[in-house]
């Protein structure tokens, strides 16, 4: 792995073990300066442990961590303490000091200098709280507290911002607005950020890159659309979003399946599982078809139909809300391609 001047974070073969449990296993990662990356994975996959290792709150059993081109954990295990790593941290519960004003919270990590007050005001303006400097944390809403925590993390101009489940304490109605605000703030500041989340929609909608962590390993890093449409493994495909896996027999760029011939993105030969996202499926009423709708659920923005295929297997389709074909209807099933397939 080659580190350049534009690389904010480099991780090489990083591992952390707790007794017989390997929480982080040989992780390699590189994050370009100015990028916003989401680390996505199921509970217990090691993503928060990885964040704590980068921040310096825990020490790895082996591996290398470089931040802003500087080695903070070397191959021999020696590490630079957290306060010297040039890392800003935004915690899940914000961790604001309740006895300090908003301005004092933001200024906390700044050295005393003539520019200190100007930097605090610059950041409060950046996060939309220019007139809130004298207020106390308990006087703010959850979204405002989130922005103060972000301003405090940005204040010393760190090489890297780490955010641990930063939106999980917000209600659903506020979460969308705040996460978009945070993305805009980080971009205006030109910050590099790595944030941990288990919310797939959150990761796909606001990050430049998404890393999927499963079983202590980062199994794929890609832009959101590529990750969703071209997952590297069946495990990634099954974890990210809802999907169907249709058994088929591949002959080059076409696979024969219960749906008929399916075009493949890359050639395969032999038994495969073809990934078909529910929104890529189209249903057409056809009383002569062997496929039948067995369940229909209306969700407002879309309709989900479960279809039993001729071989007895079930697939799900997400259709426009005006699709009004009732359960029991016979339908012809087609899929927009080309499609990703995994060797069976």
C-alpha atoms as a PDB file:
ATOM      1  CA  UNK A   1       0.000   0.000   0.000  1.00  0.00           C
ATOM      2  CA  UNK A   2       1.546   3.303  -1.102  1.00  0.00           C
ATOM      3  CA  UNK A   3       0.856   6.412   0.966  1.00  0.00           C
ATOM      4  CA  UNK A   4       0.815   9.790  -0.794  1.00  0.00           C
ATOM      5  CA  UNK A   5       0.467  13.375   0.367  1.00  0.00           C
ATOM      6  CA  UNK A   6      -3.259  13.148  -0.391  1.00  0.00           C
ATOM      7  CA  UNK A   7      -3.786  10.151   1.909  1.00  0.00           C
ATOM      8  CA  UNK A   8      -5.353  11.054   5.258  1.00  0.00           C
ATOM      9  CA  UNK A   9      -5.550   7.534   6.724  1.00  0.00           C
ATOM     10  CA  UNK A  10      -3.603   4.367   6.009  1.00  0.00           C
ATOM     11  CA  UNK A  11      -4.138   1.094   7.862  1.00  0.00           C
ATOM     12  CA  UNK A  12      -2.058  -2.019   7.227  1.00  0.00           C
ATOM     13  CA  UNK A  13      -2.782  -5.513   8.600  1.00  0.00           C
ATOM     14  CA  UNK A  14      -4.429  -4.188  11.750  1.00  0.00           C
ATOM     15  CA  UNK A  15      -5.738  -6.736  14.272  1.00  0.00           C
ATOM     16  CA  UNK A  16      -7.244  -6.656  17.767  1.00  0.00           C
ATOM     17  CA  UNK A  17      -8.034  -9.725  19.830  1.00  0.00           C
ATOM     18  CA  UNK A  18      -9.958 -10.100  23.083  1.00  0.00           C
ATOM     19  CA  UNK A  19      -9.069 -13.547  24.374  1.00  0.00           C
ATOM     20  CA  UNK A  20     -10.336 -16.010  21.769  1.00  0.00           C
ATOM     21  CA  UNK A  21     -12.413 -13.332  20.000  1.00  0.00           C
ATOM     22  CA  UNK A  22     -10.785 -11.557  17.048  1.00  0.00           C
ATOM     23  CA  UNK A  23     -12.649  -8.251  16.848  1.00  0.00           C
ATOM     24  CA  UNK A  24     -10.518  -6.761  14.049  1.00  0.00           C
ATOM     25  CA  UNK A  25      -8.736  -9.110  11.657  1.00  0.00           C
ATOM     26  CA  UNK A  26      -5.950  -8.018   9.277  1.00  0.00           C
ATOM     27  CA  UNK A  27      -7.687  -4.814   8.190  1.00  0.00           C
ATOM     28  CA  UNK A  28      -6.197  -2.796   5.338  1.00  0.00           C
ATOM     29  CA  UNK A  29      -7.716   0.571   4.502  1.00  0.00           C
ATOM     30  CA  UNK A  30      -6.766   3.790   2.758  1.00  0.00           C
ATOM     31  CA  UNK A  31      -8.768   7.019   2.855  1.00  0.00           C
ATOM     32  CA  UNK A  32      -7.971   9.964   0.626  1.00  0.00           C
ATOM     33  CA  UNK A  33      -7.900  13.444   2.161  1.00  0.00           C
ATOM     34  CA  UNK A  34     -11.191  15.310   1.875  1.00  0.00           C
ATOM     35  CA  UNK A  35     -13.300  12.152   1.508  1.00  0.00           C
ATOM     36  CA  UNK A  36     -16.269  11.137   3.650  1.00  0.00           C
ATOM     37  CA  UNK A  37     -16.340   7.391   4.275  1.00  0.00           C
ATOM     38  CA  UNK A  38     -18.962   5.291   6.032  1.00  0.00           C
ATOM     39  CA  UNK A  39     -18.023   2.067   7.767  1.00  0.00           C
ATOM     40  CA  UNK A  40     -21.062  -0.180   7.612  1.00  0.00           C
ATOM     41  CA  UNK A  41     -21.606  -3.545   9.229  1.00  0.00           C
ATOM     42  CA  UNK A  42     -23.793  -5.628  11.519  1.00  0.00           C
ATOM     43  CA  UNK A  43     -23.579  -5.281  15.292  1.00  0.00           C
ATOM     44  CA  UNK A  44     -20.470  -6.926  16.695  1.00  0.00           C
ATOM     45  CA  UNK A  45     -18.539  -6.876  13.405  1.00  0.00           C
ATOM     46  CA  UNK A  46     -15.682  -4.776  14.853  1.00  0.00           C
ATOM     47  CA  UNK A  47     -16.372  -1.360  13.330  1.00  0.00           C
ATOM     48  CA  UNK A  48     -16.442   0.602  16.623  1.00  0.00           C
ATOM     49  CA  UNK A  49     -13.317  -1.237  17.795  1.00  0.00           C
ATOM     50  CA  UNK A  50     -11.592  -0.161  14.579  1.00  0.00           C
ATOM     51  CA  UNK A  51     -12.604   3.447  15.235  1.00  0.00           C
ATOM     52  CA  UNK A  52     -11.199   3.270  18.782  1.00  0.00           C
ATOM     53  CA  UNK A  53      -7.937   1.816  17.483  1.00  0.00           C
ATOM     54  CA  UNK A  54      -7.570   4.698  15.031  1.00  0.00           C
ATOM     55  CA  UNK A  55      -8.347   7.243  17.756  1.00  0.00           C
ATOM     56  CA  UNK A  56      -5.853   5.649  20.133  1.00  0.00           C
ATOM     57  CA  UNK A  57      -8.358   4.659  22.823  1.00  0.00           C
ATOM     58  CA  UNK A  58      -7.244   1.042  22.339  1.00  0.00           C
ATOM     59  CA  UNK A  59      -4.005  -0.489  21.127  1.00  0.00           C
ATOM     60  CA  UNK A  60      -3.878  -3.156  18.393  1.00  0.00           C
ATOM     61  CA  UNK A  61      -2.145  -6.495  18.735  1.00  0.00           C
ATOM     62  CA  UNK A  62      -0.395  -5.835  15.448  1.00  0.00           C
ATOM     63  CA  UNK A  63      -0.558  -3.584  12.413  1.00  0.00           C
ATOM     64  CA  UNK A  64       0.246  -0.063  11.287  1.00  0.00           C
ATOM     65  CA  UNK A  65      -1.851   3.116  11.418  1.00  0.00           C
ATOM     66  CA  UNK A  66      -0.807   6.300   9.649  1.00  0.00           C
ATOM     67  CA  UNK A  67      -2.748   9.568   9.956  1.00  0.00           C
ATOM     68  CA  UNK A  68      -1.899  12.487   7.695  1.00  0.00           C
ATOM     69  CA  UNK A  69       1.264  10.708   6.546  1.00  0.00           C
ATOM     70  CA  UNK A  70       2.532  10.218  10.117  1.00  0.00           C
ATOM     71  CA  UNK A  71       2.813   6.779  11.718  1.00  0.00           C
ATOM     72  CA  UNK A  72       0.800   6.778  14.958  1.00  0.00           C
ATOM     73  CA  UNK A  73       1.003   3.004  15.479  1.00  0.00           C
ATOM     74  CA  UNK A  74       4.078   1.218  14.187  1.00  0.00           C
ATOM     75  CA  UNK A  75       4.774  -2.421  13.381  1.00  0.00           C
ATOM     76  CA  UNK A  76       6.408  -2.877  16.778  1.00  0.00           C
ATOM     77  CA  UNK A  77       3.258  -1.737  18.588  1.00  0.00           C
ATOM     78  CA  UNK A  78       4.537   1.637  19.812  1.00  0.00           C
ATOM     79  CA  UNK A  79       1.770   4.205  19.574  1.00  0.00           C
ATOM     80  CA  UNK A  80       1.346   7.973  19.766  1.00  0.00           C
ATOM     81  CA  UNK A  81      -1.211   8.947  22.456  1.00  0.00           C
ATOM     82  CA  UNK A  82      -4.705  10.034  21.357  1.00  0.00           C
ATOM     83  CA  UNK A  83      -4.216  13.747  22.060  1.00  0.00           C
ATOM     84  CA  UNK A  84      -1.247  13.848  19.663  1.00  0.00           C
ATOM     85  CA  UNK A  85      -2.852  12.056  16.724  1.00  0.00           C
ATOM     86  CA  UNK A  86      -4.640  15.056  15.165  1.00  0.00           C
ATOM     87  CA  UNK A  87      -7.940  13.196  15.289  1.00  0.00           C
ATOM     88  CA  UNK A  88     -11.308  14.795  16.091  1.00  0.00           C
ATOM     89  CA  UNK A  89     -13.955  12.552  17.634  1.00  0.00           C
ATOM     90  CA  UNK A  90     -17.748  12.921  17.612  1.00  0.00           C
ATOM     91  CA  UNK A  91     -19.288  10.460  20.037  1.00  0.00           C
ATOM     92  CA  UNK A  92     -22.693   8.809  19.880  1.00  0.00           C
ATOM     93  CA  UNK A  93     -23.915  10.803  22.913  1.00  0.00           C
ATOM     94  CA  UNK A  94     -22.053  13.985  21.769  1.00  0.00           C
ATOM     95  CA  UNK A  95     -20.153  14.148  25.140  1.00  0.00           C
ATOM     96  CA  UNK A  96     -20.540  17.906  25.494  1.00  0.00           C
ATOM     97  CA  UNK A  97     -19.371  19.416  28.783  1.00  0.00           C
ATOM     98  CA  UNK A  98     -22.619  20.369  30.563  1.00  0.00           C
ATOM     99  CA  UNK A  99     -20.987  23.085  32.710  1.00  0.00           C
ATOM    100  CA  UNK A 100     -19.446  24.891  29.713  1.00  0.00           C
ATOM    101  CA  UNK A 101     -21.212  27.153  27.252  1.00  0.00           C
ATOM    102  CA  UNK A 102     -21.470  26.292  23.563  1.00  0.00           C
ATOM    103  CA  UNK A 103     -18.509  28.551  22.729  1.00  0.00           C
ATOM    104  CA  UNK A 104     -16.439  27.105  25.577  1.00  0.00           C
ATOM    105  CA  UNK A 105     -17.173  23.574  24.372  1.00  0.00           C
ATOM    106  CA  UNK A 106     -15.990  24.429  20.863  1.00  0.00           C
ATOM    107  CA  UNK A 107     -12.881  26.174  22.217  1.00  0.00           C
ATOM    108  CA  UNK A 108     -11.958  23.339  24.563  1.00  0.00           C
ATOM    109  CA  UNK A 109      -9.325  21.712  22.336  1.00  0.00           C
ATOM    110  CA  UNK A 110      -7.835  24.958  21.031  1.00  0.00           C
ATOM    111  CA  UNK A 111      -4.609  26.455  22.419  1.00  0.00           C
ATOM    112  CA  UNK A 112      -4.878  29.921  23.874  1.00  0.00           C
ATOM    113  CA  UNK A 113      -3.978  32.341  21.107  1.00  0.00           C
ATOM    114  CA  UNK A 114      -5.229  35.602  19.580  1.00  0.00           C
ATOM    115  CA  UNK A 115      -7.012  33.566  16.884  1.00  0.00           C
ATOM    116  CA  UNK A 116      -8.905  31.323  19.301  1.00  0.00           C
ATOM    117  CA  UNK A 117     -12.102  33.366  19.575  1.00  0.00           C
ATOM    118  CA  UNK A 118     -12.206  33.992  15.831  1.00  0.00           C
ATOM    119  CA  UNK A 119     -11.889  30.250  15.136  1.00  0.00           C
ATOM    120  CA  UNK A 120     -14.742  29.477  17.531  1.00  0.00           C
ATOM    121  CA  UNK A 121     -17.002  32.037  15.896  1.00  0.00           C
ATOM    122  CA  UNK A 122     -16.025  30.799  12.439  1.00  0.00           C
ATOM    123  CA  UNK A 123     -17.101  27.281  13.370  1.00  0.00           C
ATOM    124  CA  UNK A 124     -20.318  28.334  15.073  1.00  0.00           C
ATOM    125  CA  UNK A 125     -21.217  30.221  11.913  1.00  0.00           C
ATOM    126  CA  UNK A 126     -20.279  27.181   9.818  1.00  0.00           C
ATOM    127  CA  UNK A 127     -22.640  24.928  11.788  1.00  0.00           C
ATOM    128  CA  UNK A 128     -25.460  27.485  11.827  1.00  0.00           C
ATOM    129  CA  UNK A 129     -25.176  28.467  15.507  1.00  0.00           C
ATOM    130  CA  UNK A 130     -23.533  31.876  15.202  1.00  0.00           C
ATOM    131  CA  UNK A 131     -25.730  33.390  17.939  1.00  0.00           C
ATOM    132  CA  UNK A 132     -25.678  30.421  20.302  1.00  0.00           C
ATOM    133  CA  UNK A 133     -22.199  30.790  21.791  1.00  0.00           C
ATOM    134  CA  UNK A 134     -23.404  31.778  25.282  1.00  0.00           C
ATOM    135  CA  UNK A 135     -26.091  29.133  25.548  1.00  0.00           C
ATOM    136  CA  UNK A 136     -25.621  25.957  27.583  1.00  0.00           C
ATOM    137  CA  UNK A 137     -25.806  22.462  26.054  1.00  0.00           C
ATOM    138  CA  UNK A 138     -29.062  21.590  27.847  1.00  0.00           C
ATOM    139  CA  UNK A 139     -30.731  24.557  26.141  1.00  0.00           C
ATOM    140  CA  UNK A 140     -30.125  23.059  22.691  1.00  0.00           C
ATOM    141  CA  UNK A 141     -32.045  20.473  20.680  1.00  0.00           C
ATOM    142  CA  UNK A 142     -30.458  17.140  19.834  1.00  0.00           C
ATOM    143  CA  UNK A 143     -29.635  18.323  16.329  1.00  0.00           C
ATOM    144  CA  UNK A 144     -28.006  21.493  17.664  1.00  0.00           C
ATOM    145  CA  UNK A 145     -25.951  19.514  20.175  1.00  0.00           C
ATOM    146  CA  UNK A 146     -24.789  17.299  17.325  1.00  0.00           C
ATOM    147  CA  UNK A 147     -23.562  20.353  15.417  1.00  0.00           C
ATOM    148  CA  UNK A 148     -21.744  21.724  18.484  1.00  0.00           C
ATOM    149  CA  UNK A 149     -19.983  18.364  18.917  1.00  0.00           C
ATOM    150  CA  UNK A 150     -18.944  18.487  15.264  1.00  0.00           C
ATOM    151  CA  UNK A 151     -17.689  22.076  15.602  1.00  0.00           C
ATOM    152  CA  UNK A 152     -15.609  21.072  18.638  1.00  0.00           C
ATOM    153  CA  UNK A 153     -14.092  18.162  16.707  1.00  0.00           C
ATOM    154  CA  UNK A 154     -13.264  20.429  13.742  1.00  0.00           C
ATOM    155  CA  UNK A 155     -11.853  23.285  15.835  1.00  0.00           C
ATOM    156  CA  UNK A 156      -8.159  22.248  15.925  1.00  0.00           C
ATOM    157  CA  UNK A 157      -8.201  21.412  12.191  1.00  0.00           C
ATOM    158  CA  UNK A 158      -7.552  17.670  12.629  1.00  0.00           C
ATOM    159  CA  UNK A 159      -6.224  15.454   9.878  1.00  0.00           C
ATOM    160  CA  UNK A 160      -9.164  13.092  10.428  1.00  0.00           C
ATOM    161  CA  UNK A 161     -12.671  13.254  11.945  1.00  0.00           C
ATOM    162  CA  UNK A 162     -14.125  10.079  13.458  1.00  0.00           C
ATOM    163  CA  UNK A 163     -17.871   9.802  14.097  1.00  0.00           C
ATOM    164  CA  UNK A 164     -19.318   6.882  16.058  1.00  0.00           C
ATOM    165  CA  UNK A 165     -23.011   6.285  15.215  1.00  0.00           C
ATOM    166  CA  UNK A 166     -23.438  10.092  15.145  1.00  0.00           C
ATOM    167  CA  UNK A 167     -27.151  10.176  14.291  1.00  0.00           C
ATOM    168  CA  UNK A 168     -28.492   7.249  16.305  1.00  0.00           C
ATOM    169  CA  UNK A 169     -29.809   9.421  19.171  1.00  0.00           C
ATOM    170  CA  UNK A 170     -31.943  11.559  16.862  1.00  0.00           C
ATOM    171  CA  UNK A 171     -35.546  10.764  16.004  1.00  0.00           C
ATOM    172  CA  UNK A 172     -36.266   9.650  12.450  1.00  0.00           C
ATOM    173  CA  UNK A 173     -37.722  12.992  11.363  1.00  0.00           C
ATOM    174  CA  UNK A 174     -34.620  14.917  12.452  1.00  0.00           C
ATOM    175  CA  UNK A 175     -32.020  12.368  11.412  1.00  0.00           C
ATOM    176  CA  UNK A 176     -32.280  13.001   7.659  1.00  0.00           C
ATOM    177  CA  UNK A 177     -31.930  16.785   8.013  1.00  0.00           C
ATOM    178  CA  UNK A 178     -29.018  16.591  10.471  1.00  0.00           C
ATOM    179  CA  UNK A 179     -27.009  14.055   8.505  1.00  0.00           C
ATOM    180  CA  UNK A 180     -27.311  16.197   5.366  1.00  0.00           C
ATOM    181  CA  UNK A 181     -26.199  19.227   7.393  1.00  0.00           C
ATOM    182  CA  UNK A 182     -23.195  17.314   8.738  1.00  0.00           C
ATOM    183  CA  UNK A 183     -22.169  16.263   5.234  1.00  0.00           C
ATOM    184  CA  UNK A 184     -22.368  19.858   4.002  1.00  0.00           C
ATOM    185  CA  UNK A 185     -20.384  21.141   6.993  1.00  0.00           C
ATOM    186  CA  UNK A 186     -17.610  18.594   6.493  1.00  0.00           C
ATOM    187  CA  UNK A 187     -17.395  19.428   2.798  1.00  0.00           C
ATOM    188  CA  UNK A 188     -17.263  23.176   3.406  1.00  0.00           C
ATOM    189  CA  UNK A 189     -14.483  22.633   5.944  1.00  0.00           C
ATOM    190  CA  UNK A 190     -12.645  20.280   3.552  1.00  0.00           C
ATOM    191  CA  UNK A 191     -12.476  17.656   6.320  1.00  0.00           C
ATOM    192  CA  UNK A 192     -11.679  13.971   5.991  1.00  0.00           C
ATOM    193  CA  UNK A 193     -14.161  11.849   7.922  1.00  0.00           C
ATOM    194  CA  UNK A 194     -14.762   8.219   8.790  1.00  0.00           C
ATOM    195  CA  UNK A 195     -18.062   7.415  10.421  1.00  0.00           C
ATOM    196  CA  UNK A 196     -19.459   4.196  11.806  1.00  0.00           C
ATOM    197  CA  UNK A 197     -23.079   3.267  11.252  1.00  0.00           C
ATOM    198  CA  UNK A 198     -25.348   0.239  11.029  1.00  0.00           C
ATOM    199  CA  UNK A 199     -27.924   2.263   9.042  1.00  0.00           C
ATOM    200  CA  UNK A 200     -27.545   1.273   5.389  1.00  0.00           C
ATOM    201  CA  UNK A 201     -29.636   4.119   4.005  1.00  0.00           C
ATOM    202  CA  UNK A 202     -27.523   6.564   5.984  1.00  0.00           C
ATOM    203  CA  UNK A 203     -24.263   5.147   4.658  1.00  0.00           C
ATOM    204  CA  UNK A 204     -25.385   4.955   1.027  1.00  0.00           C
ATOM    205  CA  UNK A 205     -26.975   8.405   0.950  1.00  0.00           C
ATOM    206  CA  UNK A 206     -24.280  10.657   2.407  1.00  0.00           C
ATOM    207  CA  UNK A 207     -20.864   8.997   2.069  1.00  0.00           C
ATOM    208  CA  UNK A 208     -18.379   9.279  -0.793  1.00  0.00           C
ATOM    209  CA  UNK A 209     -17.205   5.747  -0.033  1.00  0.00           C
ATOM    210  CA  UNK A 210     -18.726   2.888   1.937  1.00  0.00           C
ATOM    211  CA  UNK A 211     -16.684   0.140   3.555  1.00  0.00           C
ATOM    212  CA  UNK A 212     -18.513  -3.045   4.539  1.00  0.00           C
ATOM    213  CA  UNK A 213     -17.136  -4.815   7.596  1.00  0.00           C
ATOM    214  CA  UNK A 214     -18.133  -8.410   8.302  1.00  0.00           C
ATOM    215  CA  UNK A 215     -16.542 -10.656  10.928  1.00  0.00           C
ATOM    216  CA  UNK A 216     -13.776  -8.184  11.768  1.00  0.00           C
ATOM    217  CA  UNK A 217     -12.684  -7.710   8.164  1.00  0.00           C
ATOM    218  CA  UNK A 218     -13.374  -4.985   5.598  1.00  0.00           C
ATOM    219  CA  UNK A 219     -14.631  -7.034   2.680  1.00  0.00           C
ATOM    220  CA  UNK A 220     -15.336  -4.228   0.185  1.00  0.00           C
ATOM    221  CA  UNK A 221     -14.802  -0.476  -0.146  1.00  0.00           C
ATOM    222  CA  UNK A 222     -16.577   1.281  -3.005  1.00  0.00           C
ATOM    223  CA  UNK A 223     -18.708   4.303  -3.913  1.00  0.00           C
ATOM    224  CA  UNK A 224     -22.306   3.751  -2.742  1.00  0.00           C
ATOM    225  CA  UNK A 225     -23.790   2.987  -6.152  1.00  0.00           C
ATOM    226  CA  UNK A 226     -21.054   0.520  -7.070  1.00  0.00           C
ATOM    227  CA  UNK A 227     -21.374  -1.215  -3.713  1.00  0.00           C
ATOM    228  CA  UNK A 228     -25.131  -1.593  -4.129  1.00  0.00           C
ATOM    229  CA  UNK A 229     -25.186  -2.566  -7.791  1.00  0.00           C
ATOM    230  CA  UNK A 230     -21.938  -4.558  -7.971  1.00  0.00           C
ATOM    231  CA  UNK A 231     -21.225  -6.160  -4.590  1.00  0.00           C
ATOM    232  CA  UNK A 232     -17.971  -8.100  -4.515  1.00  0.00           C
ATOM    233  CA  UNK A 233     -19.328 -11.120  -2.646  1.00  0.00           C
ATOM    234  CA  UNK A 234     -22.637 -12.787  -1.950  1.00  0.00           C
ATOM    235  CA  UNK A 235     -22.270 -11.818   1.731  1.00  0.00           C
ATOM    236  CA  UNK A 236     -22.019  -8.127   0.801  1.00  0.00           C
ATOM    237  CA  UNK A 237     -24.965  -8.449  -1.581  1.00  0.00           C
ATOM    238  CA  UNK A 238     -27.075 -10.075   1.148  1.00  0.00           C
ATOM    239  CA  UNK A 239     -26.129  -7.478   3.770  1.00  0.00           C
ATOM    240  CA  UNK A 240     -26.444  -4.269   1.753  1.00  0.00           C
ATOM    241  CA  UNK A 241     -30.066  -3.689   0.855  1.00  0.00           C
ATOM    242  CA  UNK A 242     -32.790  -6.184   0.087  1.00  0.00           C
ATOM    243  CA  UNK A 243     -32.093  -8.714  -2.616  1.00  0.00           C
ATOM    244  CA  UNK A 244     -33.224 -11.935  -4.257  1.00  0.00           C
ATOM    245  CA  UNK A 245     -30.926 -14.789  -5.192  1.00  0.00           C
ATOM    246  CA  UNK A 246     -32.239 -16.849  -8.092  1.00  0.00           C
ATOM    247  CA  UNK A 247     -30.551 -20.198  -8.868  1.00  0.00           C
ATOM    248  CA  UNK A 248     -29.484 -20.535 -12.483  1.00  0.00           C
ATOM    249  CA  UNK A 249     -27.105 -22.292 -14.841  1.00  0.00           C
ATOM    250  CA  UNK A 250     -24.670 -19.884 -16.476  1.00  0.00           C
ATOM    251  CA  UNK A 251     -23.405 -20.214 -20.030  1.00  0.00           C
ATOM    252  CA  UNK A 252     -21.100 -17.249 -20.530  1.00  0.00           C
ATOM    253  CA  UNK A 253     -23.039 -13.987 -20.434  1.00  0.00           C
ATOM    254  CA  UNK A 254     -26.463 -15.619 -20.057  1.00  0.00           C
ATOM    255  CA  UNK A 255     -27.893 -17.741 -17.262  1.00  0.00           C
ATOM    256  CA  UNK A 256     -30.922 -20.000 -17.584  1.00  0.00           C
ATOM    257  CA  UNK A 257     -33.273 -19.649 -14.602  1.00  0.00           C
ATOM    258  CA  UNK A 258     -36.920 -20.158 -13.537  1.00  0.00           C
ATOM    259  CA  UNK A 259     -37.439 -16.617 -14.918  1.00  0.00           C
ATOM    260  CA  UNK A 260     -36.004 -17.616 -18.281  1.00  0.00           C
ATOM    261  CA  UNK A 261     -32.672 -16.350 -19.666  1.00  0.00           C
ATOM    262  CA  UNK A 262     -30.982 -13.656 -17.551  1.00  0.00           C
ATOM    263  CA  UNK A 263     -28.196 -11.396 -18.900  1.00  0.00           C
ATOM    264  CA  UNK A 264     -25.074 -11.408 -16.696  1.00  0.00           C
ATOM    265  CA  UNK A 265     -22.703  -8.540 -16.016  1.00  0.00           C
ATOM    266  CA  UNK A 266     -19.666 -10.826 -16.208  1.00  0.00           C
ATOM    267  CA  UNK A 267     -19.455 -14.267 -17.837  1.00  0.00           C
ATOM    268  CA  UNK A 268     -19.867 -17.387 -15.668  1.00  0.00           C
ATOM    269  CA  UNK A 269     -20.087 -21.092 -16.328  1.00  0.00           C
ATOM    270  CA  UNK A 270     -21.973 -23.629 -14.277  1.00  0.00           C
ATOM    271  CA  UNK A 271     -24.353 -23.224 -11.299  1.00  0.00           C
ATOM    272  CA  UNK A 272     -24.733 -19.631 -10.042  1.00  0.00           C
ATOM    273  CA  UNK A 273     -26.907 -17.531  -7.797  1.00  0.00           C
ATOM    274  CA  UNK A 274     -28.111 -14.443  -9.685  1.00  0.00           C
ATOM    275  CA  UNK A 275     -28.627 -11.312  -7.583  1.00  0.00           C
ATOM    276  CA  UNK A 276     -31.798  -9.417  -8.488  1.00  0.00           C
ATOM    277  CA  UNK A 277     -32.764  -6.341  -6.472  1.00  0.00           C
ATOM    278  CA  UNK A 278     -36.536  -6.083  -5.854  1.00  0.00           C
ATOM    279  CA  UNK A 279     -36.737  -2.760  -7.703  1.00  0.00           C
ATOM    280  CA  UNK A 280     -35.193  -4.391 -10.792  1.00  0.00           C
ATOM    281  CA  UNK A 281     -38.115  -6.801 -11.146  1.00  0.00           C
ATOM    282  CA  UNK A 282     -41.084  -6.098 -13.401  1.00  0.00           C
ATOM    283  CA  UNK A 283     -44.418  -7.940 -13.173  1.00  0.00           C
ATOM    284  CA  UNK A 284     -46.938  -8.229 -15.986  1.00  0.00           C
ATOM    285  CA  UNK A 285     -50.325  -9.910 -15.589  1.00  0.00           C
ATOM    286  CA  UNK A 286     -50.388 -13.133 -17.596  1.00  0.00           C
ATOM    287  CA  UNK A 287     -52.950 -15.804 -16.713  1.00  0.00           C
ATOM    288  CA  UNK A 288     -50.872 -18.429 -18.521  1.00  0.00           C
ATOM    289  CA  UNK A 289     -47.779 -17.763 -16.410  1.00  0.00           C
ATOM    290  CA  UNK A 290     -46.641 -20.365 -13.837  1.00  0.00           C
ATOM    291  CA  UNK A 291     -45.625 -17.563 -11.422  1.00  0.00           C
ATOM    292  CA  UNK A 292     -48.122 -16.208  -8.880  1.00  0.00           C
ATOM    293  CA  UNK A 293     -48.338 -13.253  -6.488  1.00  0.00           C
ATOM    294  CA  UNK A 294     -48.865 -14.651  -2.984  1.00  0.00           C
ATOM    295  CA  UNK A 295     -48.540 -11.454  -0.891  1.00  0.00           C
ATOM    296  CA  UNK A 296     -48.891  -7.717  -1.489  1.00  0.00           C
ATOM    297  CA  UNK A 297     -47.896  -4.971   0.980  1.00  0.00           C
ATOM    298  CA  UNK A 298     -48.473  -1.262   0.443  1.00  0.00           C
ATOM    299  CA  UNK A 299     -45.793   1.091   1.868  1.00  0.00           C
ATOM    300  CA  UNK A 300     -46.886   4.421   0.421  1.00  0.00           C
ATOM    301  CA  UNK A 301     -43.820   5.120  -1.697  1.00  0.00           C
ATOM    302  CA  UNK A 302     -43.876   1.619  -3.160  1.00  0.00           C
ATOM    303  CA  UNK A 303     -45.634  -1.739  -3.148  1.00  0.00           C
ATOM    304  CA  UNK A 304     -43.893  -4.989  -2.267  1.00  0.00           C
ATOM    305  CA  UNK A 305     -45.121  -8.142  -3.978  1.00  0.00           C
ATOM    306  CA  UNK A 306     -43.950 -11.615  -3.030  1.00  0.00           C
ATOM    307  CA  UNK A 307     -44.075 -13.953  -6.019  1.00  0.00           C
ATOM    308  CA  UNK A 308     -43.906 -17.749  -5.944  1.00  0.00           C
ATOM    309  CA  UNK A 309     -41.995 -18.986  -8.978  1.00  0.00           C
ATOM    310  CA  UNK A 310     -42.628 -22.157 -10.934  1.00  0.00           C
ATOM    311  CA  UNK A 311     -39.931 -24.019  -8.964  1.00  0.00           C
ATOM    312  CA  UNK A 312     -41.593 -23.129  -5.641  1.00  0.00           C
ATOM    313  CA  UNK A 313     -39.092 -20.454  -4.593  1.00  0.00           C
ATOM    314  CA  UNK A 314     -40.112 -16.928  -3.541  1.00  0.00           C
ATOM    315  CA  UNK A 315     -38.844 -13.585  -4.792  1.00  0.00           C
ATOM    316  CA  UNK A 316     -39.823 -10.039  -3.831  1.00  0.00           C
ATOM    317  CA  UNK A 317     -40.523  -7.133  -6.162  1.00  0.00           C
ATOM    318  CA  UNK A 318     -40.726  -3.420  -5.298  1.00  0.00           C
ATOM    319  CA  UNK A 319     -43.148  -1.650  -7.625  1.00  0.00           C
ATOM    320  CA  UNK A 320     -44.643   1.803  -8.084  1.00  0.00           C
ATOM    321  CA  UNK A 321     -47.452   2.511  -5.574  1.00  0.00           C
ATOM    322  CA  UNK A 322     -50.119   2.505  -8.288  1.00  0.00           C
ATOM    323  CA  UNK A 323     -49.367  -1.132  -9.114  1.00  0.00           C
ATOM    324  CA  UNK A 324     -52.630  -2.748  -8.024  1.00  0.00           C
ATOM    325  CA  UNK A 325     -52.429  -6.420  -8.956  1.00  0.00           C
ATOM    326  CA  UNK A 326     -53.957  -8.477  -6.102  1.00  0.00           C
ATOM    327  CA  UNK A 327     -52.570 -11.659  -4.492  1.00  0.00           C
ATOM    328  CA  UNK A 328     -53.449 -14.759  -6.470  1.00  0.00           C
ATOM    329  CA  UNK A 329     -52.764 -13.095  -9.821  1.00  0.00           C
ATOM    330  CA  UNK A 330     -50.621 -14.942 -12.349  1.00  0.00           C
ATOM    331  CA  UNK A 331     -47.758 -12.773 -13.575  1.00  0.00           C
ATOM    332  CA  UNK A 332     -44.900 -12.839 -16.004  1.00  0.00           C
ATOM    333  CA  UNK A 333     -41.657 -11.923 -14.218  1.00  0.00           C
ATOM    334  CA  UNK A 334     -38.748 -10.112 -15.894  1.00  0.00           C
ATOM    335  CA  UNK A 335     -35.613  -8.467 -14.523  1.00  0.00           C
ATOM    336  CA  UNK A 336     -33.672  -5.461 -15.749  1.00  0.00           C
ATOM    337  CA  UNK A 337     -30.041  -6.343 -16.354  1.00  0.00           C
ATOM    338  CA  UNK A 338     -27.276  -7.067 -16.797  1.00  0.00           C
ATOM    339  CA  UNK A 339     -27.153  -8.813 -13.431  1.00  0.00           C
ATOM    340  CA  UNK A 340     -24.465  -9.835 -10.952  1.00  0.00           C
ATOM    341  CA  UNK A 341     -24.049 -13.572 -10.374  1.00  0.00           C
ATOM    342  CA  UNK A 342     -22.085 -15.525  -7.792  1.00  0.00           C
ATOM    343  CA  UNK A 343     -20.735 -19.015  -8.335  1.00  0.00           C
ATOM    344  CA  UNK A 344     -22.923 -21.484  -6.479  1.00  0.00           C
END
